[in-house]
Amino acid sequence: MRTTPILFGALTAASLLFGSSIAQATLTPTETVEVIVVTVMDILNDPMYQQPRMSDARRAALQTVIRDSVNYHEMARRSLGITWMAMSQSEQEHFSDLFVQILRDGIACRMNTYSDTQVIYLGERREGDFAEVRTLFRREKEDTVIDLRLVNQSGRWLVYDAVIDGIRLVDNYRSQFLHVIKKVAYMGLLSKIEAMTLLKKTFERTNVP
């Protein structure tokens, strides 16, 4: 178990996450999670991205982290369930691209509330190409337990699910998606998600006027 302050140099984190394939291959599951957390927080707290008209650039930076560290295609598939099987490959790719934006906004909004947090890495468990990293986000008033589940693909650990205070992220998305699909069908869900991605999010309201 080790404790890490939520912030350290973005350059160090980014170089570990997006650097050479050799560096990526040497990261353990816990180190991978640590780099993701720190990189996201550094983007959210970077004064450059808090300037007017920098919202799109900050979204793009966060989206890059998601695409490079999360198996979002698999998460999208699991979140849609049987609906995914009836979709064409182009439809699946389109939904996966939207799902990246859903993850981006969800992670950024949650992480934005952890600016004064210590992250405690409680340990990791591996079984073949799968791993789970247990983390505790410690705050003054409330702690949050987040277990990140990762899969090893070509020597890189990618997140494919998370359990937040006992609730699986993929299960939560699946429940929400199926609820909407039952009411307005898949195209209705697609329209709702596309509209949601355009809305200004909580983490973007820190922009200076």
Protein backbone atom coordinates (compact mmCIF):
# COMPACT_ATOMS: atom_id res chain seq x y z
CA MET A 1 0.00 0.00 0.00
CA ARG A 2 1.22 3.48 -0.79
CA THR A 3 -0.20 6.98 -0.65
CA THR A 4 0.28 9.52 -3.41
CA PRO A 5 -0.63 13.21 -3.45
CA ILE A 6 -3.18 13.87 -6.16
CA LEU A 7 -0.85 16.21 -8.03
CA PHE A 8 2.63 15.89 -9.40
CA GLY A 9 4.23 17.02 -12.64
CA ALA A 10 2.04 16.54 -15.69
CA LEU A 11 5.13 16.10 -17.83
CA THR A 12 6.25 13.12 -15.76
CA ALA A 13 2.81 11.50 -15.87
CA ALA A 14 2.29 12.14 -19.55
CA SER A 15 5.70 10.80 -20.47
CA LEU A 16 4.96 7.57 -18.59
CA LEU A 17 1.54 7.12 -20.13
CA PHE A 18 2.21 8.27 -23.68
CA GLY A 19 5.93 7.63 -23.92
CA SER A 20 7.85 4.81 -25.52
CA SER A 21 6.41 1.32 -25.86
CA ILE A 22 9.21 0.08 -23.61
CA ALA A 23 8.13 2.42 -20.82
CA GLN A 24 4.48 1.42 -21.27
CA ALA A 25 5.34 -2.26 -21.10
CA THR A 26 7.13 -1.88 -17.78
CA LEU A 27 4.21 -0.23 -15.97
CA THR A 28 2.40 -2.39 -13.42
CA PRO A 29 -1.40 -2.17 -13.14
CA THR A 30 -1.05 0.08 -10.07
CA GLU A 31 1.45 2.36 -11.82
CA THR A 32 -0.88 2.55 -14.81
CA VAL A 33 -3.79 3.65 -12.63
CA GLU A 34 -1.60 6.14 -10.78
CA VAL A 35 -0.47 7.76 -14.02
CA ILE A 36 -4.06 7.98 -15.31
CA VAL A 37 -5.29 9.65 -12.11
CA VAL A 38 -2.46 12.15 -11.99
CA THR A 39 -2.63 12.99 -15.69
CA VAL A 40 -6.37 13.68 -15.55
CA MET A 41 -5.99 15.85 -12.45
CA ASP A 42 -3.12 17.79 -13.97
CA ILE A 43 -5.23 18.55 -17.05
CA LEU A 44 -8.15 19.69 -14.91
CA ASN A 45 -5.90 21.92 -12.79
CA ASP A 46 -3.74 23.30 -15.59
CA PRO A 47 -4.28 27.12 -15.67
CA MET A 48 -3.87 27.06 -19.45
CA TYR A 49 -7.00 24.94 -19.85
CA GLN A 50 -8.94 27.19 -17.47
CA GLN A 51 -8.61 30.17 -19.75
CA PRO A 52 -11.53 31.38 -21.92
CA ARG A 53 -12.06 29.45 -25.14
CA MET A 54 -9.87 26.55 -23.97
CA SER A 55 -12.76 24.20 -23.20
CA ASP A 56 -12.41 22.28 -26.47
CA ALA A 57 -8.67 21.87 -25.97
CA ARG A 58 -9.21 20.52 -22.45
CA ARG A 59 -11.84 18.09 -23.70
CA ALA A 60 -9.43 16.92 -26.39
CA ALA A 61 -6.63 16.40 -23.85
CA LEU A 62 -8.90 14.41 -21.53
CA GLN A 63 -10.21 12.39 -24.45
CA THR A 64 -6.67 11.45 -25.42
CA VAL A 65 -6.10 10.02 -21.94
CA ILE A 66 -9.28 7.93 -22.21
CA ARG A 67 -8.45 6.59 -25.67
CA ASP A 68 -4.91 5.65 -24.63
CA SER A 69 -5.65 4.08 -21.25
CA VAL A 70 -9.15 2.60 -21.42
CA ASN A 71 -10.52 -0.32 -23.44
CA TYR A 72 -13.48 1.87 -24.30
CA HIS A 73 -14.62 -0.30 -27.23
CA GLU A 74 -15.09 -3.27 -24.88
CA MET A 75 -16.78 -1.07 -22.27
CA ALA A 76 -19.17 0.26 -24.93
CA ARG A 77 -19.99 -3.29 -26.04
CA ARG A 78 -20.70 -4.46 -22.50
CA SER A 79 -22.73 -1.37 -21.69
CA LEU A 80 -25.09 -1.86 -24.65
CA GLY A 81 -25.55 -5.58 -24.10
CA ILE A 82 -27.62 -7.39 -26.72
CA THR A 83 -28.28 -4.16 -28.64
CA TRP A 84 -24.61 -4.15 -29.67
CA MET A 85 -25.00 -7.48 -31.49
CA ALA A 86 -27.61 -6.08 -33.87
CA MET A 87 -25.47 -3.10 -34.89
CA SER A 88 -23.26 -2.79 -37.95
CA GLN A 89 -19.53 -2.26 -37.51
CA SER A 90 -19.85 1.43 -38.44
CA GLU A 91 -22.64 1.86 -35.89
CA GLN A 92 -20.51 0.17 -33.24
CA GLU A 93 -17.59 2.47 -34.02
CA HIS A 94 -19.82 5.53 -33.85
CA PHE A 95 -21.22 4.48 -30.49
CA SER A 96 -17.71 3.71 -29.20
CA ASP A 97 -16.61 7.22 -30.15
CA LEU A 98 -19.56 8.68 -28.26
CA PHE A 99 -18.82 6.41 -25.32
CA VAL A 100 -15.32 7.89 -25.08
CA GLN A 101 -16.95 11.28 -24.58
CA ILE A 102 -19.29 9.87 -21.94
CA LEU A 103 -16.32 8.44 -20.06
CA ARG A 104 -14.36 11.66 -20.48
CA ASP A 105 -17.11 13.78 -18.96
CA GLY A 106 -17.96 11.29 -16.22
CA ILE A 107 -14.36 10.83 -15.11
CA ALA A 108 -13.56 14.54 -15.31
CA CYS A 109 -16.64 15.56 -13.33
CA ARG A 110 -15.87 13.03 -10.61
CA MET A 111 -12.15 13.78 -10.49
CA ASN A 112 -12.84 17.51 -10.35
CA THR A 113 -14.37 16.94 -6.90
CA TYR A 114 -11.13 15.28 -5.72
CA SER A 115 -8.83 18.30 -6.05
CA ASP A 116 -8.00 18.20 -2.32
CA THR A 117 -7.70 14.43 -2.15
CA GLN A 118 -5.03 11.91 -1.31
CA VAL A 119 -5.17 8.70 -3.31
CA ILE A 120 -4.21 5.58 -1.39
CA TYR A 121 -3.32 2.55 -3.49
CA LEU A 122 -4.40 -0.37 -1.33
CA GLY A 123 -3.00 -3.10 -3.53
CA GLU A 124 -3.48 -5.02 -6.72
CA ARG A 125 -4.59 -8.52 -7.62
CA ARG A 126 -3.65 -10.28 -10.86
CA GLU A 127 -5.05 -13.34 -12.57
CA GLY A 128 -3.48 -14.00 -15.97
CA ASP A 129 -4.06 -11.00 -18.22
CA PHE A 130 -6.53 -9.41 -15.81
CA ALA A 131 -5.89 -7.26 -12.76
CA GLU A 132 -7.77 -5.22 -10.17
CA VAL A 133 -6.26 -2.18 -8.47
CA ARG A 134 -7.92 -1.11 -5.22
CA THR A 135 -7.80 2.60 -4.48
CA LEU A 136 -9.13 4.87 -1.77
CA PHE A 137 -9.79 8.54 -2.51
CA ARG A 138 -9.50 10.13 0.91
CA ARG A 139 -11.15 13.46 1.59
CA GLU A 140 -11.89 15.39 4.76
CA LYS A 141 -15.61 14.60 4.85
CA GLU A 142 -16.01 11.47 2.77
CA ASP A 143 -13.87 8.67 1.38
CA THR A 144 -14.56 6.87 -1.90
CA VAL A 145 -13.38 3.35 -2.69
CA ILE A 146 -12.70 2.77 -6.40
CA ASP A 147 -11.47 -0.55 -7.72
CA LEU A 148 -10.12 -0.36 -11.26
CA ARG A 149 -10.24 -3.48 -13.41
CA LEU A 150 -7.64 -3.79 -16.15
CA VAL A 151 -6.74 -6.15 -18.98
CA ASN A 152 -3.28 -6.65 -20.46
CA GLN A 153 -3.27 -6.09 -24.20
CA SER A 154 0.05 -6.35 -26.05
CA GLY A 155 1.96 -5.56 -22.86
CA ARG A 156 -0.18 -2.57 -21.85
CA TRP A 157 -2.69 -2.49 -19.02
CA LEU A 158 -6.01 -0.94 -20.08
CA VAL A 159 -8.97 -0.19 -17.82
CA TYR A 160 -12.15 -2.02 -18.84
CA ASP A 161 -14.36 -1.44 -15.78
CA ALA A 162 -14.47 0.22 -12.36
CA VAL A 163 -16.30 -0.54 -9.13
CA ILE A 164 -17.17 2.66 -7.27
CA ASP A 165 -18.35 2.13 -3.70
CA GLY A 166 -19.55 -1.34 -4.69
CA ILE A 167 -21.30 -0.35 -7.95
CA ARG A 168 -19.87 -1.52 -11.26
CA LEU A 169 -19.55 1.28 -13.80
CA VAL A 170 -20.44 -0.89 -16.82
CA ASP A 171 -23.51 -2.29 -15.06
CA ASN A 172 -24.61 1.24 -14.21
CA TYR A 173 -24.28 2.38 -17.83
CA ARG A 174 -26.08 -0.74 -19.10
CA SER A 175 -28.99 -0.13 -16.77
CA GLN A 176 -29.31 3.48 -17.89
CA PHE A 177 -28.96 2.67 -21.59
CA LEU A 178 -31.51 -0.16 -21.52
CA HIS A 179 -33.97 2.04 -19.66
CA VAL A 180 -33.76 4.67 -22.41
CA ILE A 181 -33.83 2.10 -25.24
CA LYS A 182 -37.05 0.60 -23.89
CA LYS A 183 -38.67 4.03 -24.07
CA VAL A 184 -37.28 5.57 -27.27
CA ALA A 185 -35.34 2.74 -28.99
CA TYR A 186 -31.65 2.82 -29.82
CA MET A 187 -31.84 5.89 -32.08
CA GLY A 188 -33.47 7.79 -29.24
CA LEU A 189 -30.59 6.81 -26.94
CA LEU A 190 -28.12 7.95 -29.58
CA SER A 191 -29.81 11.35 -29.86
CA LYS A 192 -29.81 11.80 -26.09
CA ILE A 193 -26.11 10.93 -25.81
CA GLU A 194 -25.15 13.23 -28.69
CA ALA A 195 -27.04 16.08 -27.02
CA MET A 196 -25.41 15.35 -23.65
CA THR A 197 -21.89 15.54 -25.09
CA LEU A 198 -22.56 19.12 -26.20
CA LEU A 199 -23.64 20.36 -22.76
CA LYS A 200 -21.26 22.27 -20.54
CA LYS A 201 -20.13 20.01 -17.68
CA THR A 202 -19.44 20.68 -14.02
CA PHE A 203 -15.67 20.42 -14.48
CA GLU A 204 -15.85 23.11 -17.18
CA ARG A 205 -17.51 25.68 -14.95
CA THR A 206 -14.16 26.51 -13.33
CA ASN A 207 -13.19 28.50 -16.41
CA VAL A 208 -12.26 32.08 -15.64
CA PRO A 209 -14.50 34.68 -17.31
